[in-house]
PDB file of N, CA and C in Angstrom:
ATOM      1  N   MET A   1      49.640 -59.073 -61.419  1.00  0.00           N
ATOM      2  CA  MET A   1      50.502 -59.142 -60.045  1.00  0.00           C
ATOM      3  C   MET A   1      49.831 -58.259 -58.968  1.00  0.00           C
ATOM      4  N   LEU A   2      50.177 -56.748 -59.644  1.00  0.00           N
ATOM      5  CA  LEU A   2      50.234 -55.843 -58.686  1.00  0.00           C
ATOM      6  C   LEU A   2      48.562 -55.807 -57.892  1.00  0.00           C
ATOM      7  N   ALA A   3      47.743 -55.901 -59.372  1.00  0.00           N
ATOM      8  CA  ALA A   3      46.166 -56.104 -58.411  1.00  0.00           C
ATOM      9  C   ALA A   3      46.017 -57.195 -57.172  1.00  0.00           C
ATOM     10  N   CYS A   4      46.591 -58.386 -57.344  1.00  0.00           N
ATOM     11  CA  CYS A   4      46.775 -59.055 -56.842  1.00  0.00           C
ATOM     12  C   CYS A   4      47.197 -59.275 -55.182  1.00  0.00           C
ATOM     13  N   LYS A   5      48.093 -58.241 -54.798  1.00  0.00           N
ATOM     14  CA  LYS A   5      49.161 -57.968 -54.054  1.00  0.00           C
ATOM     15  C   LYS A   5      48.068 -57.116 -53.318  1.00  0.00           C
ATOM     16  N   VAL A   6      47.690 -56.036 -53.646  1.00  0.00           N
ATOM     17  CA  VAL A   6      46.654 -55.187 -53.129  1.00  0.00           C
ATOM     18  C   VAL A   6      45.575 -55.678 -52.712  1.00  0.00           C
ATOM     19  N   ILE A   7      44.741 -56.796 -52.985  1.00  0.00           N
ATOM     20  CA  ILE A   7      43.954 -57.517 -52.771  1.00  0.00           C
ATOM     21  C   ILE A   7      44.030 -58.355 -51.771  1.00  0.00           C
ATOM     22  N   ALA A   8      45.051 -59.103 -51.444  1.00  0.00           N
ATOM     23  CA  ALA A   8      45.955 -59.806 -50.364  1.00  0.00           C
ATOM     24  C   ALA A   8      45.908 -58.613 -49.299  1.00  0.00           C
ATOM     25  N   ALA A   9      46.729 -57.934 -49.805  1.00  0.00           N
ATOM     26  CA  ALA A   9      46.977 -56.862 -48.572  1.00  0.00           C
ATOM     27  C   ALA A   9      45.495 -56.342 -47.684  1.00  0.00           C
ATOM     28  N   VAL A  10      44.772 -55.868 -48.355  1.00  0.00           N
ATOM     29  CA  VAL A  10      43.228 -55.547 -47.920  1.00  0.00           C
ATOM     30  C   VAL A  10      42.543 -56.520 -47.052  1.00  0.00           C
ATOM     31  N   TYR A  11      42.662 -57.972 -47.351  1.00  0.00           N
ATOM     32  CA  TYR A  11      42.096 -59.047 -47.071  1.00  0.00           C
ATOM     33  C   TYR A  11      42.649 -59.111 -45.762  1.00  0.00           C
ATOM     34  N   VAL A  12      44.134 -59.001 -45.830  1.00  0.00           N
ATOM     35  CA  VAL A  12      44.687 -58.966 -44.738  1.00  0.00           C
ATOM     36  C   VAL A  12      43.964 -58.197 -43.508  1.00  0.00           C
ATOM     37  N   VAL A  13      44.268 -57.155 -43.962  1.00  0.00           N
ATOM     38  CA  VAL A  13      43.918 -55.822 -43.519  1.00  0.00           C
ATOM     39  C   VAL A  13      42.158 -56.070 -42.681  1.00  0.00           C
ATOM     40  N   LEU A  14      41.244 -56.389 -43.376  1.00  0.00           N
ATOM     41  CA  LEU A  14      40.089 -56.539 -42.826  1.00  0.00           C
ATOM     42  C   LEU A  14      39.906 -57.850 -41.955  1.00  0.00           C
ATOM     43  N   LEU A  15      40.718 -58.978 -42.189  1.00  0.00           N
ATOM     44  CA  LEU A  15      40.542 -59.984 -41.101  1.00  0.00           C
ATOM     45  C   LEU A  15      41.363 -59.408 -40.062  1.00  0.00           C
ATOM     46  N   THR A  16      42.209 -58.614 -39.874  1.00  0.00           N
ATOM     47  CA  THR A  16      42.951 -58.207 -38.203  1.00  0.00           C
ATOM     48  C   THR A  16      41.859 -57.403 -37.957  1.00  0.00           C
ATOM     49  N   ARG A  17      41.488 -56.159 -38.685  1.00  0.00           N
ATOM     50  CA  ARG A  17      40.323 -55.267 -37.924  1.00  0.00           C
ATOM     51  C   ARG A  17      39.211 -56.223 -37.515  1.00  0.00           C
ATOM     52  N   ARG A  18      38.855 -57.306 -38.016  1.00  0.00           N
ATOM     53  CA  ARG A  18      37.585 -57.879 -37.631  1.00  0.00           C
ATOM     54  C   ARG A  18      37.876 -58.846 -36.756  1.00  0.00           C
ATOM     55  N   ARG A  19      39.360 -59.637 -36.267  1.00  0.00           N
ATOM     56  CA  ARG A  19      39.542 -59.979 -34.975  1.00  0.00           C
ATOM     57  C   ARG A  19      39.545 -59.257 -34.156  1.00  0.00           C
ATOM     58  N   TYR A  20      39.793 -57.878 -34.139  1.00  0.00           N
ATOM     59  CA  TYR A  20      40.071 -57.317 -32.456  1.00  0.00           C
ATOM     60  C   TYR A  20      39.251 -55.941 -32.948  1.00  0.00           C
ATOM     61  N   ASP A  21      38.087 -56.042 -33.475  1.00  0.00           N
ATOM     62  CA  ASP A  21      37.017 -55.169 -33.461  1.00  0.00           C
ATOM     63  C   ASP A  21      36.281 -54.697 -32.537  1.00  0.00           C
ATOM     64  N   MET A  22      35.951 -55.777 -31.532  1.00  0.00           N
ATOM     65  CA  MET A  22      35.174 -55.847 -30.424  1.00  0.00           C
ATOM     66  C   MET A  22      36.140 -55.253 -29.155  1.00  0.00           C
ATOM     67  N   SER A  23      35.975 -54.418 -28.039  1.00  0.00           N
ATOM     68  CA  SER A  23      36.722 -54.532 -27.599  1.00  0.00           C
ATOM     69  C   SER A  23      36.202 -55.161 -26.004  1.00  0.00           C
ATOM     70  N   VAL A  24      37.182 -55.760 -25.243  1.00  0.00           N
ATOM     71  CA  VAL A  24      36.833 -55.776 -23.903  1.00  0.00           C
ATOM     72  C   VAL A  24      37.073 -54.630 -23.154  1.00  0.00           C
ATOM     73  N   ALA A  25      38.199 -53.661 -23.170  1.00  0.00           N
ATOM     74  CA  ALA A  25      38.240 -52.874 -22.419  1.00  0.00           C
ATOM     75  C   ALA A  25      37.181 -52.263 -21.561  1.00  0.00           C
ATOM     76  N   GLY A  26      37.523 -52.436 -20.212  1.00  0.00           N
ATOM     77  CA  GLY A  26      36.330 -51.545 -19.150  1.00  0.00           C
ATOM     78  C   GLY A  26      36.718 -52.146 -17.722  1.00  0.00           C
ATOM     79  N   THR A  27      35.380 -51.538 -16.965  1.00  0.00           N
ATOM     80  CA  THR A  27      35.445 -52.431 -15.860  1.00  0.00           C
ATOM     81  C   THR A  27      34.390 -53.520 -15.630  1.00  0.00           C
ATOM     82  N   TRP A  28      35.450 -54.945 -15.303  1.00  0.00           N
ATOM     83  CA  TRP A  28      33.847 -55.891 -15.331  1.00  0.00           C
ATOM     84  C   TRP A  28      34.028 -56.391 -13.829  1.00  0.00           C
ATOM     85  N   LYS A  29      32.555 -56.982 -13.473  1.00  0.00           N
ATOM     86  CA  LYS A  29      32.484 -57.389 -12.280  1.00  0.00           C
ATOM     87  C   LYS A  29      32.626 -58.953 -12.416  1.00  0.00           C
ATOM     88  N   ILE A  30      33.280 -59.574 -11.874  1.00  0.00           N
ATOM     89  CA  ILE A  30      33.163 -61.057 -12.278  1.00  0.00           C
ATOM     90  C   ILE A  30      32.930 -62.241 -10.671  1.00  0.00           C
ATOM     91  N   ARG A  31      32.434 -62.932 -10.770  1.00  0.00           N
ATOM     92  CA  ARG A  31      31.939 -63.942 -10.160  1.00  0.00           C
ATOM     93  C   ARG A  31      32.667 -64.767 -10.226  1.00  0.00           C
ATOM     94  N   ALA A  32      33.280 -65.726  -9.335  1.00  0.00           N
ATOM     95  CA  ALA A  32      34.104 -67.103  -8.810  1.00  0.00           C
ATOM     96  C   ALA A  32      34.064 -67.398  -8.116  1.00  0.00           C
ATOM     97  N   ALA A  33      33.651 -68.614  -7.776  1.00  0.00           N
ATOM     98  CA  ALA A  33      34.659 -69.389  -6.645  1.00  0.00           C
ATOM     99  C   ALA A  33      33.891 -68.517  -5.474  1.00  0.00           C
ATOM    100  N   GLY A  34      32.552 -68.147  -5.325  1.00  0.00           N
ATOM    101  CA  GLY A  34      32.299 -67.459  -4.201  1.00  0.00           C
ATOM    102  C   GLY A  34      32.852 -66.342  -3.707  1.00  0.00           C
ATOM    103  N   ARG A  35      33.396 -65.816  -4.764  1.00  0.00           N
ATOM    104  CA  ARG A  35      33.685 -64.446  -4.395  1.00  0.00           C
ATOM    105  C   ARG A  35      33.155 -63.299  -5.816  1.00  0.00           C
ATOM    106  N   ILE A  36      33.645 -62.038  -5.565  1.00  0.00           N
ATOM    107  CA  ILE A  36      32.903 -60.911  -6.188  1.00  0.00           C
ATOM    108  C   ILE A  36      34.279 -59.863  -6.349  1.00  0.00           C
ATOM    109  N   LEU A  37      34.714 -60.007  -7.675  1.00  0.00           N
ATOM    110  CA  LEU A  37      36.060 -59.466  -7.901  1.00  0.00           C
ATOM    111  C   LEU A  37      35.643 -58.475  -9.549  1.00  0.00           C
ATOM    112  N   ILE A  38      36.680 -57.430  -8.936  1.00  0.00           N
ATOM    113  CA  ILE A  38      36.770 -56.296  -9.949  1.00  0.00           C
ATOM    114  C   ILE A  38      37.798 -56.259 -10.855  1.00  0.00           C
ATOM    115  N   LEU A  39      37.478 -56.003 -12.039  1.00  0.00           N
ATOM    116  CA  LEU A  39      38.519 -56.316 -12.942  1.00  0.00           C
ATOM    117  C   LEU A  39      38.667 -55.254 -13.789  1.00  0.00           C
ATOM    118  N   ARG A  40      39.566 -54.454 -13.964  1.00  0.00           N
ATOM    119  CA  ARG A  40      39.973 -53.716 -14.806  1.00  0.00           C
ATOM    120  C   ARG A  40      40.512 -53.772 -16.261  1.00  0.00           C
ATOM    121  N   LEU A  41      40.424 -53.777 -17.462  1.00  0.00           N
ATOM    122  CA  LEU A  41      40.655 -54.205 -18.246  1.00  0.00           C
ATOM    123  C   LEU A  41      41.190 -52.792 -19.468  1.00  0.00           C
ATOM    124  N   ASN A  42      42.390 -52.701 -19.863  1.00  0.00           N
ATOM    125  CA  ASN A  42      42.609 -51.587 -21.104  1.00  0.00           C
ATOM    126  C   ASN A  42      43.662 -52.072 -22.218  1.00  0.00           C
ATOM    127  N   GLU A  43      43.246 -52.057 -22.948  1.00  0.00           N
ATOM    128  CA  GLU A  43      44.061 -52.426 -24.175  1.00  0.00           C
ATOM    129  C   GLU A  43      45.086 -51.532 -24.205  1.00  0.00           C
ATOM    130  N   ALA A  44      46.355 -52.625 -24.398  1.00  0.00           N
ATOM    131  CA  ALA A  44      47.839 -51.487 -24.158  1.00  0.00           C
ATOM    132  C   ALA A  44      48.809 -52.084 -25.296  1.00  0.00           C
ATOM    133  N   GLY A  45      49.525 -51.327 -26.257  1.00  0.00           N
ATOM    134  CA  GLY A  45      50.595 -51.976 -26.566  1.00  0.00           C
ATOM    135  C   GLY A  45      50.119 -52.852 -27.476  1.00  0.00           C
ATOM    136  N   GLY A  46      49.045 -52.634 -28.820  1.00  0.00           N
ATOM    137  CA  GLY A  46      49.165 -53.034 -29.814  1.00  0.00           C
ATOM    138  C   GLY A  46      47.404 -54.211 -29.665  1.00  0.00           C
ATOM    139  N   PRO A  47      46.875 -54.822 -31.190  1.00  0.00           N
ATOM    140  CA  PRO A  47      46.048 -55.214 -31.176  1.00  0.00           C
ATOM    141  C   PRO A  47      46.046 -56.816 -30.223  1.00  0.00           C
ATOM    142  N   GLY A  48      45.396 -56.755 -29.222  1.00  0.00           N
ATOM    143  CA  GLY A  48      44.859 -58.209 -28.652  1.00  0.00           C
ATOM    144  C   GLY A  48      45.773 -58.148 -27.291  1.00  0.00           C
ATOM    145  N   VAL A  49      46.436 -56.935 -26.900  1.00  0.00           N
ATOM    146  CA  VAL A  49      47.239 -56.765 -25.753  1.00  0.00           C
ATOM    147  C   VAL A  49      46.523 -55.890 -24.542  1.00  0.00           C
ATOM    148  N   LEU A  50      46.134 -56.444 -23.822  1.00  0.00           N
ATOM    149  CA  LEU A  50      45.486 -56.915 -22.376  1.00  0.00           C
ATOM    150  C   LEU A  50      46.399 -56.192 -21.307  1.00  0.00           C
ATOM    151  N   GLU A  51      45.899 -55.134 -20.410  1.00  0.00           N
ATOM    152  CA  GLU A  51      46.878 -54.726 -19.352  1.00  0.00           C
ATOM    153  C   GLU A  51      45.590 -54.129 -18.194  1.00  0.00           C
ATOM    154  N   GLY A  52      45.899 -54.719 -16.820  1.00  0.00           N
ATOM    155  CA  GLY A  52      44.452 -53.912 -15.665  1.00  0.00           C
ATOM    156  C   GLY A  52      45.184 -54.469 -14.819  1.00  0.00           C
ATOM    157  N   ASP A  53      44.174 -54.524 -13.652  1.00  0.00           N
ATOM    158  CA  ASP A  53      44.470 -55.000 -12.342  1.00  0.00           C
ATOM    159  C   ASP A  53      42.744 -55.422 -11.576  1.00  0.00           C
ATOM    160  N   ILE A  54      43.096 -56.237 -10.783  1.00  0.00           N
ATOM    161  CA  ILE A  54      41.599 -57.029 -10.156  1.00  0.00           C
ATOM    162  C   ILE A  54      41.800 -57.376  -8.715  1.00  0.00           C
ATOM    163  N   ALA A  55      40.621 -56.757  -7.850  1.00  0.00           N
ATOM    164  CA  ALA A  55      40.959 -56.940  -6.836  1.00  0.00           C
ATOM    165  C   ALA A  55      39.482 -57.285  -5.999  1.00  0.00           C
ATOM    166  N   GLN A  56      39.234 -57.974  -4.842  1.00  0.00           N
ATOM    167  CA  GLN A  56      38.271 -58.391  -4.518  1.00  0.00           C
ATOM    168  C   GLN A  56      36.869 -57.183  -4.400  1.00  0.00           C
ATOM    169  N   GLU A  57      35.472 -57.454  -4.439  1.00  0.00           N
ATOM    170  CA  GLU A  57      34.920 -55.909  -4.444  1.00  0.00           C
ATOM    171  C   GLU A  57      35.201 -55.333  -2.738  1.00  0.00           C
ATOM    172  N   GLY A  58      35.302 -54.281  -2.728  1.00  0.00           N
ATOM    173  CA  GLY A  58      35.167 -53.671  -1.734  1.00  0.00           C
ATOM    174  C   GLY A  58      36.516 -53.420  -1.339  1.00  0.00           C
ATOM    175  N   GLY A  59      37.579 -54.300  -1.612  1.00  0.00           N
ATOM    176  CA  GLY A  59      38.932 -54.321  -1.814  1.00  0.00           C
ATOM    177  C   GLY A  59      39.587 -53.374  -1.523  1.00  0.00           C
ATOM    178  N   GLY A  60      39.519 -52.029  -2.048  1.00  0.00           N
ATOM    179  CA  GLY A  60      40.170 -50.984  -2.323  1.00  0.00           C
ATOM    180  C   GLY A  60      41.330 -51.194  -2.969  1.00  0.00           C
ATOM    181  N   ASP A  61      42.189 -49.953  -3.310  1.00  0.00           N
ATOM    182  CA  ASP A  61      43.284 -50.004  -4.025  1.00  0.00           C
ATOM    183  C   ASP A  61      44.824 -50.983  -3.215  1.00  0.00           C
ATOM    184  N   ALA A  62      44.275 -51.301  -1.532  1.00  0.00           N
ATOM    185  CA  ALA A  62      45.624 -51.727  -1.342  1.00  0.00           C
ATOM    186  C   ALA A  62      45.825 -52.867  -1.770  1.00  0.00           C
ATOM    187  N   GLN A  63      44.399 -53.800  -2.376  1.00  0.00           N
ATOM    188  CA  GLN A  63      44.316 -55.357  -2.601  1.00  0.00           C
ATOM    189  C   GLN A  63      44.314 -55.684  -4.189  1.00  0.00           C
ATOM    190  N   LYS A  64      44.855 -54.368  -4.568  1.00  0.00           N
ATOM    191  CA  LYS A  64      44.596 -54.351  -6.642  1.00  0.00           C
ATOM    192  C   LYS A  64      46.004 -55.263  -6.757  1.00  0.00           C
ATOM    193  N   VAL A  65      45.734 -56.237  -7.464  1.00  0.00           N
ATOM    194  CA  VAL A  65      47.062 -56.835  -8.344  1.00  0.00           C
ATOM    195  C   VAL A  65      46.676 -56.808  -9.517  1.00  0.00           C
ATOM    196  N   ARG A  66      47.893 -56.403 -10.440  1.00  0.00           N
ATOM    197  CA  ARG A  66      48.308 -56.376 -11.712  1.00  0.00           C
ATOM    198  C   ARG A  66      48.098 -57.890 -12.128  1.00  0.00           C
ATOM    199  N   ILE A  67      47.384 -57.408 -13.093  1.00  0.00           N
ATOM    200  CA  ILE A  67      47.201 -59.115 -14.672  1.00  0.00           C
ATOM    201  C   ILE A  67      48.309 -59.119 -14.969  1.00  0.00           C
ATOM    202  N   VAL A  68      48.892 -60.078 -15.785  1.00  0.00           N
ATOM    203  CA  VAL A  68      49.766 -60.511 -16.491  1.00  0.00           C
ATOM    204  C   VAL A  68      49.172 -61.193 -17.762  1.00  0.00           C
ATOM    205  N   ASP A  69      50.140 -61.498 -19.099  1.00  0.00           N
ATOM    206  CA  ASP A  69      49.664 -62.096 -20.121  1.00  0.00           C
ATOM    207  C   ASP A  69      48.333 -61.859 -20.232  1.00  0.00           C
ATOM    208  N   GLY A  70      48.039 -60.553 -20.286  1.00  0.00           N
ATOM    209  CA  GLY A  70      46.721 -60.336 -20.615  1.00  0.00           C
ATOM    210  C   GLY A  70      46.446 -60.138 -22.277  1.00  0.00           C
ATOM    211  N   ARG A  71      46.092 -61.141 -22.884  1.00  0.00           N
ATOM    212  CA  ARG A  71      45.315 -61.049 -24.276  1.00  0.00           C
ATOM    213  C   ARG A  71      44.161 -60.923 -24.929  1.00  0.00           C
ATOM    214  N   TRP A  72      43.091 -60.715 -25.759  1.00  0.00           N
ATOM    215  CA  TRP A  72      42.515 -61.112 -26.528  1.00  0.00           C
ATOM    216  C   TRP A  72      42.497 -60.996 -28.058  1.00  0.00           C
ATOM    217  N   ASN A  73      41.076 -62.502 -28.577  1.00  0.00           N
ATOM    218  CA  ASN A  73      41.809 -62.347 -29.563  1.00  0.00           C
ATOM    219  C   ASN A  73      40.063 -62.401 -30.087  1.00  0.00           C
ATOM    220  N   GLY A  74      39.538 -61.920 -30.882  1.00  0.00           N
ATOM    221  CA  GLY A  74      37.647 -61.715 -31.064  1.00  0.00           C
ATOM    222  C   GLY A  74      36.965 -61.817 -29.827  1.00  0.00           C
ATOM    223  N   ASN A  75      36.806 -62.964 -30.037  1.00  0.00           N
ATOM    224  CA  ASN A  75      35.697 -62.791 -28.449  1.00  0.00           C
ATOM    225  C   ASN A  75      36.160 -63.985 -27.204  1.00  0.00           C
ATOM    226  N   LYS A  76      37.600 -64.479 -27.454  1.00  0.00           N
ATOM    227  CA  LYS A  76      38.643 -65.009 -26.266  1.00  0.00           C
ATOM    228  C   LYS A  76      39.004 -64.026 -25.522  1.00  0.00           C
ATOM    229  N   VAL A  77      39.315 -64.388 -24.358  1.00  0.00           N
ATOM    230  CA  VAL A  77      39.907 -63.354 -23.681  1.00  0.00           C
ATOM    231  C   VAL A  77      40.618 -64.071 -22.464  1.00  0.00           C
ATOM    232  N   HIS A  78      42.051 -63.710 -22.007  1.00  0.00           N
ATOM    233  CA  HIS A  78      42.831 -64.520 -21.447  1.00  0.00           C
ATOM    234  C   HIS A  78      43.523 -63.498 -20.329  1.00  0.00           C
ATOM    235  N   TRP A  79      43.785 -63.990 -18.829  1.00  0.00           N
ATOM    236  CA  TRP A  79      44.835 -63.100 -18.374  1.00  0.00           C
ATOM    237  C   TRP A  79      44.897 -64.164 -17.322  1.00  0.00           C
ATOM    238  N   ALA A  80      46.199 -63.540 -16.664  1.00  0.00           N
ATOM    239  CA  ALA A  80      46.452 -64.218 -14.852  1.00  0.00           C
ATOM    240  C   ALA A  80      47.283 -63.396 -14.284  1.00  0.00           C
ATOM    241  N   VAL A  81      47.027 -63.872 -13.412  1.00  0.00           N
ATOM    242  CA  VAL A  81      47.570 -62.812 -12.025  1.00  0.00           C
ATOM    243  C   VAL A  81      48.697 -63.942 -10.948  1.00  0.00           C
ATOM    244  N   THR A  82      49.305 -63.389 -10.362  1.00  0.00           N
ATOM    245  CA  THR A  82      50.554 -64.385  -9.814  1.00  0.00           C
ATOM    246  C   THR A  82      50.671 -64.299  -8.222  1.00  0.00           C
ATOM    247  N   GLU A  83      49.800 -63.398  -7.779  1.00  0.00           N
ATOM    248  CA  GLU A  83      49.685 -63.173  -6.426  1.00  0.00           C
ATOM    249  C   GLU A  83      48.065 -62.799  -6.372  1.00  0.00           C
ATOM    250  N   PRO A  84      47.608 -62.732  -4.982  1.00  0.00           N
ATOM    251  CA  PRO A  84      48.336 -63.778  -3.597  1.00  0.00           C
ATOM    252  C   PRO A  84      48.265 -65.061  -4.111  1.00  0.00           C
ATOM    253  N   VAL A  85      48.011 -65.591  -5.370  1.00  0.00           N
ATOM    254  CA  VAL A  85      48.059 -66.909  -5.803  1.00  0.00           C
ATOM    255  C   VAL A  85      47.860 -66.917  -7.204  1.00  0.00           C
ATOM    256  N   GLU A  86      48.378 -68.006  -8.224  1.00  0.00           N
ATOM    257  CA  GLU A  86      48.462 -68.357  -9.568  1.00  0.00           C
ATOM    258  C   GLU A  86      47.480 -68.493 -10.114  1.00  0.00           C
ATOM    259  N   ALA A  87      47.059 -67.751 -10.633  1.00  0.00           N
ATOM    260  CA  ALA A  87      45.436 -68.545 -11.362  1.00  0.00           C
ATOM    261  C   ALA A  87      45.475 -67.763 -12.901  1.00  0.00           C
ATOM    262  N   THR A  88      44.992 -68.716 -13.614  1.00  0.00           N
ATOM    263  CA  THR A  88      44.746 -68.262 -14.846  1.00  0.00           C
ATOM    264  C   THR A  88      43.090 -68.091 -15.337  1.00  0.00           C
ATOM    265  N   PHE A  89      42.761 -67.009 -15.918  1.00  0.00           N
ATOM    266  CA  PHE A  89      41.200 -67.020 -16.460  1.00  0.00           C
ATOM    267  C   PHE A  89      41.434 -66.495 -18.057  1.00  0.00           C
ATOM    268  N   ASP A  90      40.315 -67.969 -18.399  1.00  0.00           N
ATOM    269  CA  ASP A  90      39.870 -68.198 -20.186  1.00  0.00           C
ATOM    270  C   ASP A  90      38.656 -67.857 -20.222  1.00  0.00           C
ATOM    271  N   GLY A  91      38.250 -67.150 -20.698  1.00  0.00           N
ATOM    272  CA  GLY A  91      37.002 -66.883 -21.075  1.00  0.00           C
ATOM    273  C   GLY A  91      36.344 -66.234 -22.447  1.00  0.00           C
ATOM    274  N   GLU A  92      35.204 -66.379 -23.174  1.00  0.00           N
ATOM    275  CA  GLU A  92      34.450 -65.393 -23.922  1.00  0.00           C
ATOM    276  C   GLU A  92      33.451 -64.552 -23.298  1.00  0.00           C
ATOM    277  N   VAL A  93      33.099 -63.578 -24.199  1.00  0.00           N
ATOM    278  CA  VAL A  93      33.236 -62.217 -24.039  1.00  0.00           C
ATOM    279  C   VAL A  93      31.541 -62.388 -25.165  1.00  0.00           C
ATOM    280  N   SER A  94      30.411 -61.518 -24.630  1.00  0.00           N
ATOM    281  CA  SER A  94      29.216 -62.189 -25.319  1.00  0.00           C
ATOM    282  C   SER A  94      28.733 -60.817 -24.944  1.00  0.00           C
ATOM    283  N   GLY A  95      28.927 -59.647 -25.960  1.00  0.00           N
ATOM    284  CA  GLY A  95      28.062 -57.906 -25.658  1.00  0.00           C
ATOM    285  C   GLY A  95      28.661 -57.531 -24.222  1.00  0.00           C
ATOM    286  N   LYS A  96      28.116 -57.501 -23.285  1.00  0.00           N
ATOM    287  CA  LYS A  96      28.499 -57.030 -21.841  1.00  0.00           C
ATOM    288  C   LYS A  96      28.384 -58.112 -20.855  1.00  0.00           C
ATOM    289  N   THR A  97      28.447 -59.320 -21.433  1.00  0.00           N
ATOM    290  CA  THR A  97      28.525 -60.981 -20.116  1.00  0.00           C
ATOM    291  C   THR A  97      29.641 -61.567 -21.285  1.00  0.00           C
ATOM    292  N   MET A  98      31.002 -62.117 -20.033  1.00  0.00           N
ATOM    293  CA  MET A  98      31.743 -62.664 -19.645  1.00  0.00           C
ATOM    294  C   MET A  98      31.800 -63.809 -19.118  1.00  0.00           C
ATOM    295  N   THR A  99      31.983 -65.069 -20.025  1.00  0.00           N
ATOM    296  CA  THR A  99      31.938 -66.732 -19.150  1.00  0.00           C
ATOM    297  C   THR A  99      33.395 -67.316 -19.399  1.00  0.00           C
ATOM    298  N   GLY A 100      33.759 -68.041 -18.332  1.00  0.00           N
ATOM    299  CA  GLY A 100      34.647 -68.688 -18.562  1.00  0.00           C
ATOM    300  C   GLY A 100      35.323 -69.583 -17.488  1.00  0.00           C
ATOM    301  N   GLU A 101      36.906 -69.826 -17.427  1.00  0.00           N
ATOM    302  CA  GLU A 101      36.856 -70.666 -16.331  1.00  0.00           C
ATOM    303  C   GLU A 101      38.051 -69.964 -15.422  1.00  0.00           C
ATOM    304  N   VAL A 102      38.366 -70.143 -14.760  1.00  0.00           N
ATOM    305  CA  VAL A 102      39.414 -69.609 -14.044  1.00  0.00           C
ATOM    306  C   VAL A 102      40.140 -71.165 -13.273  1.00  0.00           C
ATOM    307  N   LYS A 103      41.670 -71.144 -13.519  1.00  0.00           N
ATOM    308  CA  LYS A 103      42.186 -71.995 -13.122  1.00  0.00           C
ATOM    309  C   LYS A 103      43.598 -71.723 -11.755  1.00  0.00           C
ATOM    310  N   THR A 104      43.545 -72.503 -10.731  1.00  0.00           N
ATOM    311  CA  THR A 104      44.642 -72.255  -9.601  1.00  0.00           C
ATOM    312  C   THR A 104      45.294 -73.416  -9.432  1.00  0.00           C
ATOM    313  N   PRO A 105      46.310 -73.837  -8.319  1.00  0.00           N
ATOM    314  CA  PRO A 105      46.575 -75.215  -8.013  1.00  0.00           C
ATOM    315  C   PRO A 105      45.858 -76.003  -7.526  1.00  0.00           C
ATOM    316  N   TRP A 106      45.078 -75.601  -6.835  1.00  0.00           N
ATOM    317  CA  TRP A 106      44.024 -76.169  -6.308  1.00  0.00           C
ATOM    318  C   TRP A 106      42.474 -76.424  -6.717  1.00  0.00           C
ATOM    319  N   GLY A 107      42.557 -75.954  -8.426  1.00  0.00           N
ATOM    320  CA  GLY A 107      40.999 -76.675  -9.167  1.00  0.00           C
ATOM    321  C   GLY A 107      40.735 -75.670  -9.978  1.00  0.00           C
ATOM    322  N   SER A 108      39.846 -75.771 -10.638  1.00  0.00           N
ATOM    323  CA  SER A 108      38.828 -74.783 -11.441  1.00  0.00           C
ATOM    324  C   SER A 108      38.058 -74.623 -11.245  1.00  0.00           C
ATOM    325  N   TRP A 109      37.287 -73.378 -11.743  1.00  0.00           N
ATOM    326  CA  TRP A 109      35.782 -73.407 -11.474  1.00  0.00           C
ATOM    327  C   TRP A 109      35.517 -72.067 -12.722  1.00  0.00           C
ATOM    328  N   PRO A 110      34.484 -72.505 -12.731  1.00  0.00           N
ATOM    329  CA  PRO A 110      33.541 -71.090 -14.019  1.00  0.00           C
ATOM    330  C   PRO A 110      33.590 -69.643 -13.332  1.00  0.00           C
ATOM    331  N   PHE A 111      33.471 -68.775 -14.343  1.00  0.00           N
ATOM    332  CA  PHE A 111      33.348 -67.406 -13.846  1.00  0.00           C
ATOM    333  C   PHE A 111      32.291 -67.008 -14.548  1.00  0.00           C
ATOM    334  N   GLU A 112      31.657 -65.932 -13.924  1.00  0.00           N
ATOM    335  CA  GLU A 112      31.006 -64.966 -15.083  1.00  0.00           C
ATOM    336  C   GLU A 112      30.946 -63.627 -14.791  1.00  0.00           C
ATOM    337  N   GLY A 113      31.219 -62.666 -15.773  1.00  0.00           N
ATOM    338  CA  GLY A 113      31.119 -61.348 -15.575  1.00  0.00           C
ATOM    339  C   GLY A 113      30.347 -60.597 -16.349  1.00  0.00           C
ATOM    340  N   THR A 114      30.207 -58.995 -15.635  1.00  0.00           N
ATOM    341  CA  THR A 114      28.899 -58.263 -16.394  1.00  0.00           C
ATOM    342  C   THR A 114      29.945 -57.062 -16.384  1.00  0.00           C
ATOM    343  N   LEU A 115      30.241 -56.278 -18.158  1.00  0.00           N
ATOM    344  CA  LEU A 115      30.890 -55.116 -18.032  1.00  0.00           C
ATOM    345  C   LEU A 115      29.709 -54.169 -17.323  1.00  0.00           C
ATOM    346  N   LEU A 116      30.348 -53.057 -16.192  1.00  0.00           N
ATOM    347  CA  LEU A 116      29.738 -51.972 -15.702  1.00  0.00           C
ATOM    348  C   LEU A 116      29.572 -51.340 -16.213  1.00  0.00           C
TER     349      LEU A 116
END
């Protein structure tokens, strides 16, 4: 009985590590709707939790906006911003590239990104 519990615990640990063994942290250049954005992601608060900021390329610190609801699981990534307009980003990471969709109140567009 104890052996079964140990095996089950090891299995859970291995599954959890596999879900979060790839990091999405870093600086990303995102292209969406004719704009180039610089996204900085940091892992924070535990597995799968992201924080960071995003700004238009060349916009400087004054234009940085904090991301909210940042999370990742395996190769899936999600974050949102609430200013200057509400937008949610859902994507997938493969190596040093990210692709996905950004949704705003006015529509949705594909985005692509590269880890710098």
